Structures are given as structure tokens and as C-alpha cells.
């Protein structure tokens, strides 16, 4: 046996060992992929019902938000109506109050003028200065 035969035999044994190692590695890798496949199936089986429940919950929340939107629209409408009613009442009270204030100021001025003329005794006396109503 020559050195080349020994080297060929060593190379053949080395290649057989490398092949056996690769076979074992691929066998273990196949088992790992099998476990990974099982894990993904379990996660999928558990996640799909959860996602379905989440979707139902989101749909129910959206429906309730629609009701809240209707309530807010009604509240805004009621607030606008109340504001218009308050404005109308304010205008209805303010206009007669201003008129009454003017009449009262005029009557007070006339009475004061009348008393001043009577006290002076002269009908030809100039009238006292007029005071303007603040309204």
C-alpha cells in the first residue's frame, strides 16, 4: 500500500464521516422544522379566535360610538335651541325695559322742570339743563 492509497482511504473515510454528519444535521433540522410547524399551528389556532373576538368587540364599540355621536348631535341641537330661546327672552325683556327706562327718565325730567318753574315763579325762565338718559 502506497501513500496515495492511504491518502485515498483517509479521504474516503473523511467524506463518509462528513456525509454522516450532514445526514444527522439535516435529520435534526427536519425535527426542528416539524416542531416549528406545530408551534405555528398552535399559535394560529389560539390567535384566530382571539382576533375574531377583538373584531366583534371593535364592531360593538363602533356601534356604541355611533350612539354617542347621535347623543352629542342631539345635545348640540338642544344647546342651540336653548341659546336661541335665551336670546329671544333677553330681547323680549330688554326692549320694554329700555322703553320703560326712557319713559321714566322723561317723566322725571318733566317733573323736575315743572317743579323748577313753579319754584322760580316765572314762566318765562329758561328751562333747567336737560340730562340725557344713559339708554
N, C-alpha and C. Protein backbone atom coordinates (compact mmCIF):
# COMPACT_ATOMS: atom_id res chain seq x y z
N UNK A 1 0.82 -1.16 0.00
CA UNK A 1 0.00 0.00 0.00
C UNK A 1 0.88 1.24 0.00
N UNK A 2 0.56 2.07 -0.91
CA UNK A 2 1.36 3.28 -1.05
C UNK A 2 0.67 4.45 -0.33
N UNK A 3 1.44 5.50 -0.27
CA UNK A 3 0.90 6.70 0.41
C UNK A 3 -0.31 7.23 -0.30
N UNK A 4 -0.39 7.12 -1.55
CA UNK A 4 -1.56 7.62 -2.29
C UNK A 4 -2.78 6.78 -1.97
N UNK A 5 -2.58 5.44 -1.75
CA UNK A 5 -3.70 4.60 -1.36
C UNK A 5 -4.18 4.96 0.05
N UNK A 6 -3.25 5.25 0.95
CA UNK A 6 -3.60 5.64 2.32
C UNK A 6 -4.33 6.97 2.29
N UNK A 7 -3.86 7.91 1.49
CA UNK A 7 -4.50 9.22 1.40
C UNK A 7 -5.89 9.07 0.81
N UNK A 8 -6.06 8.22 -0.19
CA UNK A 8 -7.38 7.99 -0.78
C UNK A 8 -8.32 7.38 0.23
N UNK A 9 -7.80 6.39 1.02
CA UNK A 9 -8.62 5.75 2.05
C UNK A 9 -9.01 6.76 3.13
N UNK A 10 -8.08 7.61 3.55
CA UNK A 10 -8.38 8.64 4.58
C UNK A 10 -9.41 9.61 4.04
N UNK A 11 -9.28 10.02 2.78
CA UNK A 11 -10.23 10.93 2.16
C UNK A 11 -11.60 10.29 2.08
N UNK A 12 -11.65 9.01 1.73
CA UNK A 12 -12.93 8.30 1.63
C UNK A 12 -13.60 8.22 2.99
N UNK A 13 -12.81 7.89 4.04
CA UNK A 13 -13.37 7.82 5.41
C UNK A 13 -13.85 9.20 5.84
N UNK A 14 -13.06 10.24 5.54
CA UNK A 14 -13.44 11.61 5.90
C UNK A 14 -14.75 12.00 5.21
N UNK A 15 -14.90 11.69 3.94
CA UNK A 15 -16.11 12.04 3.20
C UNK A 15 -17.32 11.26 3.73
N UNK A 16 -17.10 10.00 4.12
CA UNK A 16 -18.20 9.21 4.70
C UNK A 16 -18.62 9.84 6.02
N UNK A 17 -17.64 10.26 6.85
CA UNK A 17 -17.96 10.90 8.13
C UNK A 17 -18.67 12.24 7.91
N UNK A 18 -18.22 13.03 6.94
CA UNK A 18 -18.89 14.31 6.63
C UNK A 18 -20.31 14.04 6.16
N UNK A 19 -20.51 13.04 5.32
CA UNK A 19 -21.85 12.69 4.84
C UNK A 19 -22.74 12.27 5.99
N UNK A 20 -22.19 11.45 6.93
CA UNK A 20 -22.97 11.01 8.09
C UNK A 20 -23.31 12.21 8.97
N UNK A 21 -22.37 13.14 9.14
CA UNK A 21 -22.61 14.36 9.94
C UNK A 21 -23.69 15.22 9.31
N UNK A 22 -23.61 15.38 8.00
CA UNK A 22 -24.64 16.17 7.30
C UNK A 22 -26.00 15.51 7.39
N UNK A 23 -26.01 14.15 7.28
CA UNK A 23 -27.27 13.43 7.40
C UNK A 23 -27.89 13.67 8.78
N UNK A 24 -27.07 13.58 9.85
CA UNK A 24 -27.55 13.81 11.20
C UNK A 24 -28.02 15.26 11.35
N UNK A 25 -27.27 16.21 10.80
CA UNK A 25 -27.64 17.63 10.87
C UNK A 25 -28.97 17.88 10.18
N UNK A 26 -29.16 17.33 8.99
CA UNK A 26 -30.42 17.53 8.28
C UNK A 26 -31.58 16.84 8.98
N UNK A 27 -31.30 15.68 9.60
CA UNK A 27 -32.33 14.98 10.36
C UNK A 27 -32.79 15.84 11.54
N UNK A 28 -31.85 16.44 12.28
CA UNK A 28 -32.18 17.32 13.41
C UNK A 28 -32.90 18.58 12.93
N UNK A 29 -32.43 19.10 11.80
CA UNK A 29 -33.06 20.31 11.22
C UNK A 29 -34.49 20.02 10.80
N UNK A 30 -34.76 18.84 10.28
CA UNK A 30 -36.11 18.43 9.93
C UNK A 30 -37.00 18.36 11.17
N UNK A 31 -36.47 17.81 12.27
CA UNK A 31 -37.21 17.76 13.53
C UNK A 31 -37.52 19.16 14.04
N UNK A 32 -36.55 20.06 13.91
CA UNK A 32 -36.76 21.45 14.33
C UNK A 32 -37.86 22.11 13.52
N UNK A 33 -37.84 21.88 12.21
CA UNK A 33 -38.90 22.45 11.35
C UNK A 33 -40.26 21.84 11.68
N UNK A 34 -40.28 20.57 12.05
CA UNK A 34 -41.53 19.94 12.46
C UNK A 34 -42.08 20.58 13.73
N UNK A 35 -41.21 20.83 14.71
CA UNK A 35 -41.65 21.49 15.94
C UNK A 35 -42.11 22.93 15.65
N UNK A 36 -41.38 23.59 14.76
CA UNK A 36 -41.76 24.95 14.38
C UNK A 36 -43.13 24.96 13.71
N UNK A 37 -43.39 23.97 12.86
CA UNK A 37 -44.69 23.87 12.20
C UNK A 37 -45.80 23.66 13.24
N UNK A 38 -45.56 22.78 14.22
CA UNK A 38 -46.54 22.55 15.28
C UNK A 38 -46.78 23.83 16.09
N UNK A 39 -45.72 24.54 16.41
CA UNK A 39 -45.86 25.78 17.18
C UNK A 39 -46.68 26.81 16.41
N UNK A 40 -46.40 26.95 15.13
CA UNK A 40 -47.15 27.90 14.31
C UNK A 40 -48.62 27.52 14.23
N UNK A 41 -48.91 26.22 14.11
CA UNK A 41 -50.31 25.77 14.08
C UNK A 41 -51.00 26.08 15.40
N UNK A 42 -50.33 25.83 16.54
CA UNK A 42 -50.92 26.11 17.84
C UNK A 42 -51.19 27.60 18.02
N UNK A 43 -50.22 28.41 17.62
CA UNK A 43 -50.39 29.87 17.73
C UNK A 43 -51.54 30.33 16.84
N UNK A 44 -51.62 29.79 15.65
CA UNK A 44 -52.71 30.15 14.74
C UNK A 44 -54.06 29.74 15.32
N UNK A 45 -54.11 28.51 15.88
CA UNK A 45 -55.36 28.02 16.46
C UNK A 45 -55.80 28.87 17.65
N UNK A 46 -54.85 29.41 18.40
CA UNK A 46 -55.20 30.23 19.56
C UNK A 46 -55.44 31.68 19.17
N UNK A 47 -54.78 32.17 18.14
CA UNK A 47 -54.87 33.57 17.77
C UNK A 47 -56.13 33.89 16.99
N UNK A 48 -56.56 33.03 16.13
CA UNK A 48 -57.72 33.30 15.27
C UNK A 48 -58.98 33.57 16.11
N UNK A 49 -59.29 32.75 17.13
CA UNK A 49 -60.47 33.09 17.94
C UNK A 49 -60.33 34.42 18.68
N UNK A 50 -59.12 34.71 19.14
CA UNK A 50 -58.89 35.98 19.83
C UNK A 50 -59.13 37.14 18.87
N UNK A 51 -58.60 37.03 17.67
CA UNK A 51 -58.81 38.08 16.68
C UNK A 51 -60.27 38.22 16.31
N UNK A 52 -60.98 37.10 16.26
CA UNK A 52 -62.42 37.16 15.98
C UNK A 52 -63.14 37.91 17.09
N UNK A 53 -62.81 37.61 18.35
CA UNK A 53 -63.43 38.32 19.47
C UNK A 53 -63.06 39.80 19.47
N UNK A 54 -61.83 40.10 19.12
CA UNK A 54 -61.42 41.50 19.03
C UNK A 54 -62.22 42.22 17.96
N UNK A 55 -62.43 41.58 16.83
CA UNK A 55 -63.21 42.19 15.75
C UNK A 55 -64.64 42.44 16.19
N UNK A 56 -65.23 41.48 16.90
CA UNK A 56 -66.60 41.66 17.40
C UNK A 56 -66.64 42.82 18.39
N UNK A 57 -65.64 42.89 19.27
CA UNK A 57 -65.58 43.98 20.25
C UNK A 57 -65.44 45.33 19.57
N UNK A 58 -64.58 45.41 18.57
CA UNK A 58 -64.39 46.66 17.84
C UNK A 58 -65.69 47.06 17.13
N UNK A 59 -66.41 46.10 16.56
CA UNK A 59 -67.68 46.40 15.91
C UNK A 59 -68.69 46.94 16.92
N UNK A 60 -68.74 46.32 18.11
CA UNK A 60 -69.66 46.79 19.14
C UNK A 60 -69.28 48.19 19.63
N UNK A 61 -67.99 48.44 19.79
CA UNK A 61 -67.53 49.78 20.21
C UNK A 61 -67.89 50.81 19.15
N UNK A 62 -67.71 50.46 17.88
CA UNK A 62 -68.08 51.39 16.81
C UNK A 62 -69.57 51.69 16.84
N UNK A 63 -70.39 50.67 17.11
CA UNK A 63 -71.84 50.89 17.20
C UNK A 63 -72.16 51.84 18.36
N UNK A 64 -71.50 51.63 19.51
CA UNK A 64 -71.75 52.50 20.66
C UNK A 64 -71.26 53.92 20.38
N UNK A 65 -70.16 54.05 19.65
CA UNK A 65 -69.68 55.39 19.28
C UNK A 65 -70.68 56.08 18.36
N UNK A 66 -71.35 55.31 17.53
CA UNK A 66 -72.41 55.88 16.69
C UNK A 66 -73.54 56.41 17.55
N UNK A 67 -73.89 55.68 18.62
CA UNK A 67 -74.93 56.16 19.53
C UNK A 67 -74.47 57.43 20.26
N UNK A 68 -73.22 57.45 20.67
CA UNK A 68 -72.67 58.63 21.34
C UNK A 68 -72.70 59.83 20.39
N UNK A 69 -72.40 59.59 19.13
CA UNK A 69 -72.44 60.66 18.14
C UNK A 69 -73.86 61.21 18.01
N UNK A 70 -74.84 60.33 18.00
CA UNK A 70 -76.23 60.79 17.94
C UNK A 70 -76.59 61.59 19.18
N UNK A 71 -76.15 61.14 20.35
CA UNK A 71 -76.42 61.86 21.58
C UNK A 71 -75.78 63.24 21.55
N UNK A 72 -74.53 63.31 21.08
CA UNK A 72 -73.84 64.60 21.01
C UNK A 72 -74.54 65.54 20.03
N UNK A 73 -75.00 65.00 18.91
CA UNK A 73 -75.72 65.83 17.94
C UNK A 73 -77.00 66.38 18.56
N UNK A 74 -77.70 65.53 19.30
CA UNK A 74 -78.93 65.97 19.97
C UNK A 74 -78.61 67.02 21.03
N UNK A 75 -77.53 66.82 21.77
CA UNK A 75 -77.14 67.78 22.80
C UNK A 75 -76.77 69.13 22.19
N UNK A 76 -76.05 69.11 21.08
CA UNK A 76 -75.69 70.35 20.40
C UNK A 76 -76.94 71.05 19.90
N UNK A 77 -77.86 70.30 19.35
CA UNK A 77 -79.12 70.88 18.87
C UNK A 77 -79.91 71.49 20.03
N UNK A 78 -79.96 70.78 21.16
CA UNK A 78 -80.68 71.30 22.32
C UNK A 78 -80.00 72.56 22.86
N UNK A 79 -78.68 72.57 22.85
CA UNK A 79 -77.95 73.75 23.31
C UNK A 79 -78.22 74.94 22.41
N UNK A 80 -78.23 74.73 21.11
CA UNK A 80 -78.54 75.83 20.18
C UNK A 80 -79.97 76.33 20.39
N UNK A 81 -80.89 75.41 20.62
CA UNK A 81 -82.28 75.80 20.86
C UNK A 81 -82.38 76.61 22.15
N UNK A 82 -81.69 76.17 23.20
CA UNK A 82 -81.71 76.89 24.46
C UNK A 82 -81.08 78.28 24.31
N UNK A 83 -80.02 78.36 23.53
CA UNK A 83 -79.37 79.64 23.30
C UNK A 83 -80.31 80.59 22.55
N UNK A 84 -81.00 80.08 21.55
CA UNK A 84 -81.95 80.91 20.81
C UNK A 84 -83.09 81.35 21.71
N UNK A 85 -83.57 80.45 22.56
CA UNK A 85 -84.66 80.81 23.48
C UNK A 85 -84.19 81.88 24.46
N UNK A 86 -83.00 81.74 24.98
CA UNK A 86 -82.47 82.74 25.92
C UNK A 86 -82.30 84.08 25.22
N UNK A 87 -81.82 84.06 24.00
CA UNK A 87 -81.65 85.29 23.24
C UNK A 87 -83.00 85.95 22.99
N UNK A 88 -84.01 85.16 22.64
CA UNK A 88 -85.34 85.71 22.40
C UNK A 88 -85.93 86.30 23.67
N UNK A 89 -85.79 85.60 24.78
CA UNK A 89 -86.29 86.11 26.07
C UNK A 89 -85.55 87.39 26.44
N UNK A 90 -84.25 87.40 26.24
CA UNK A 90 -83.46 88.60 26.55
C UNK A 90 -83.92 89.79 25.73
N UNK A 91 -84.14 89.56 24.43
CA UNK A 91 -84.61 90.65 23.58
C UNK A 91 -86.02 91.09 23.98
N UNK A 92 -86.87 90.12 24.35
CA UNK A 92 -88.24 90.45 24.74
C UNK A 92 -88.27 91.26 26.03
N UNK A 93 -87.31 91.02 26.93
CA UNK A 93 -87.28 91.76 28.20
C UNK A 93 -86.53 93.07 28.04
N UNK A 94 -85.48 93.10 27.25
CA UNK A 94 -84.63 94.29 27.12
C UNK A 94 -85.37 95.44 26.45
N UNK A 95 -86.09 95.16 25.38
CA UNK A 95 -86.77 96.24 24.65
C UNK A 95 -87.79 96.96 25.53
N UNK A 96 -88.71 96.29 26.22
CA UNK A 96 -89.64 97.01 27.10
C UNK A 96 -88.92 97.70 28.27
N UNK A 97 -87.84 97.07 28.78
CA UNK A 97 -87.11 97.70 29.88
C UNK A 97 -86.48 99.01 29.43
N UNK A 98 -85.94 99.04 28.23
CA UNK A 98 -85.37 100.29 27.70
C UNK A 98 -86.45 101.34 27.50
N UNK A 99 -87.59 100.90 26.97
CA UNK A 99 -88.68 101.85 26.77
C UNK A 99 -89.17 102.39 28.11
N UNK A 100 -89.32 101.52 29.10
CA UNK A 100 -89.76 101.95 30.43
C UNK A 100 -88.74 102.88 31.05
N UNK A 101 -87.47 102.61 30.86
CA UNK A 101 -86.41 103.48 31.37
C UNK A 101 -86.49 104.85 30.73
N UNK A 102 -86.72 104.88 29.44
CA UNK A 102 -86.86 106.17 28.74
C UNK A 102 -88.06 106.95 29.21
N UNK A 103 -89.18 106.24 29.38
CA UNK A 103 -90.40 106.91 29.86
C UNK A 103 -90.18 107.44 31.27
N UNK A 104 -89.54 106.65 32.12
CA UNK A 104 -89.27 107.07 33.49
C UNK A 104 -88.35 108.29 33.51
N UNK A 105 -87.31 108.27 32.69
CA UNK A 105 -86.38 109.40 32.62
C UNK A 105 -87.09 110.64 32.11
N UNK A 106 -87.96 110.48 31.11
CA UNK A 106 -88.71 111.63 30.58
C UNK A 106 -89.65 112.18 31.63
N UNK A 107 -90.38 111.30 32.33
CA UNK A 107 -91.31 111.76 33.36
C UNK A 107 -90.56 112.45 34.49
N UNK A 108 -89.41 111.91 34.88
CA UNK A 108 -88.61 112.53 35.93
C UNK A 108 -88.13 113.91 35.50
N UNK A 109 -87.69 114.03 34.29
CA UNK A 109 -87.22 115.33 33.76
C UNK A 109 -88.36 116.31 33.68
N UNK A 110 -89.51 115.85 33.22
CA UNK A 110 -90.67 116.75 33.14
C UNK A 110 -91.09 117.21 34.52
N UNK A 111 -91.12 116.33 35.49
CA UNK A 111 -91.49 116.69 36.86
C UNK A 111 -90.48 117.66 37.44
N UNK A 112 -89.21 117.43 37.22
CA UNK A 112 -88.18 118.32 37.71
C UNK A 112 -88.31 119.70 37.07
N UNK A 113 -88.57 119.74 35.78
CA UNK A 113 -88.75 121.02 35.08
C UNK A 113 -89.97 121.76 35.61
N UNK A 114 -91.03 120.99 35.81
CA UNK A 114 -92.26 121.59 36.31
C UNK A 114 -92.04 122.18 37.70
N UNK A 115 -91.36 121.46 38.58
CA UNK A 115 -91.10 121.95 39.93
C UNK A 115 -90.16 123.15 39.90
N UNK A 116 -89.18 123.14 39.02
CA UNK A 116 -88.24 124.27 38.93
C UNK A 116 -88.96 125.52 38.46
N UNK A 117 -89.86 125.41 37.50
CA UNK A 117 -90.61 126.58 37.02
C UNK A 117 -91.55 127.08 38.11
N UNK A 118 -92.16 126.19 38.80
CA UNK A 118 -93.09 126.58 39.85
C UNK A 118 -92.34 127.26 41.00
N UNK A 119 -91.17 126.76 41.33
CA UNK A 119 -90.40 127.35 42.41
C UNK A 119 -89.87 128.71 42.04
N UNK A 120 -89.51 128.90 40.82
CA UNK A 120 -88.97 130.21 40.41
C UNK A 120 -90.09 131.22 40.24
N UNK A 121 -91.25 130.79 39.99
CA UNK A 121 -92.40 131.67 39.85
C UNK A 121 -92.46 132.34 38.51
N UNK A 122 -91.54 132.17 37.70
CA UNK A 122 -91.56 132.82 36.39
C UNK A 122 -91.72 131.75 35.33
N UNK A 123 -92.74 131.98 34.52
CA UNK A 123 -92.97 131.03 33.44
C UNK A 123 -92.02 131.27 32.27
N UNK A 124 -91.40 132.47 32.25
CA UNK A 124 -90.51 132.80 31.14
C UNK A 124 -89.07 132.39 31.42
N UNK A 125 -88.82 131.82 32.55
CA UNK A 125 -87.45 131.42 32.90
C UNK A 125 -87.01 130.29 31.98
N UNK A 126 -85.74 130.29 31.62
CA UNK A 126 -85.25 129.21 30.75
C UNK A 126 -85.34 127.88 31.49
N UNK A 127 -85.62 126.85 30.75
CA UNK A 127 -85.74 125.54 31.39
C UNK A 127 -84.39 125.09 31.95
N UNK A 128 -84.42 124.27 32.99
CA UNK A 128 -83.16 123.77 33.55
C UNK A 128 -82.47 122.86 32.53
N UNK A 129 -81.18 122.69 32.70
CA UNK A 129 -80.44 121.84 31.72
C UNK A 129 -80.99 120.41 31.71
N UNK A 130 -81.03 119.89 30.52
CA UNK A 130 -81.54 118.52 30.33
C UNK A 130 -80.45 117.49 30.54
N UNK A 131 -80.81 116.44 31.17
CA UNK A 131 -79.87 115.32 31.36
C UNK A 131 -80.29 114.21 30.42
N UNK A 132 -79.32 113.72 29.68
CA UNK A 132 -79.61 112.64 28.74
C UNK A 132 -79.70 111.32 29.48
N UNK A 133 -80.61 110.46 29.02
CA UNK A 133 -80.76 109.11 29.59
C UNK A 133 -79.57 108.27 29.16
N UNK A 134 -79.07 107.43 30.05
CA UNK A 134 -77.92 106.59 29.65
C UNK A 134 -78.33 105.53 28.65
N UNK A 135 -79.63 105.37 28.38
CA UNK A 135 -80.10 104.34 27.44
C UNK A 135 -80.41 104.96 26.16
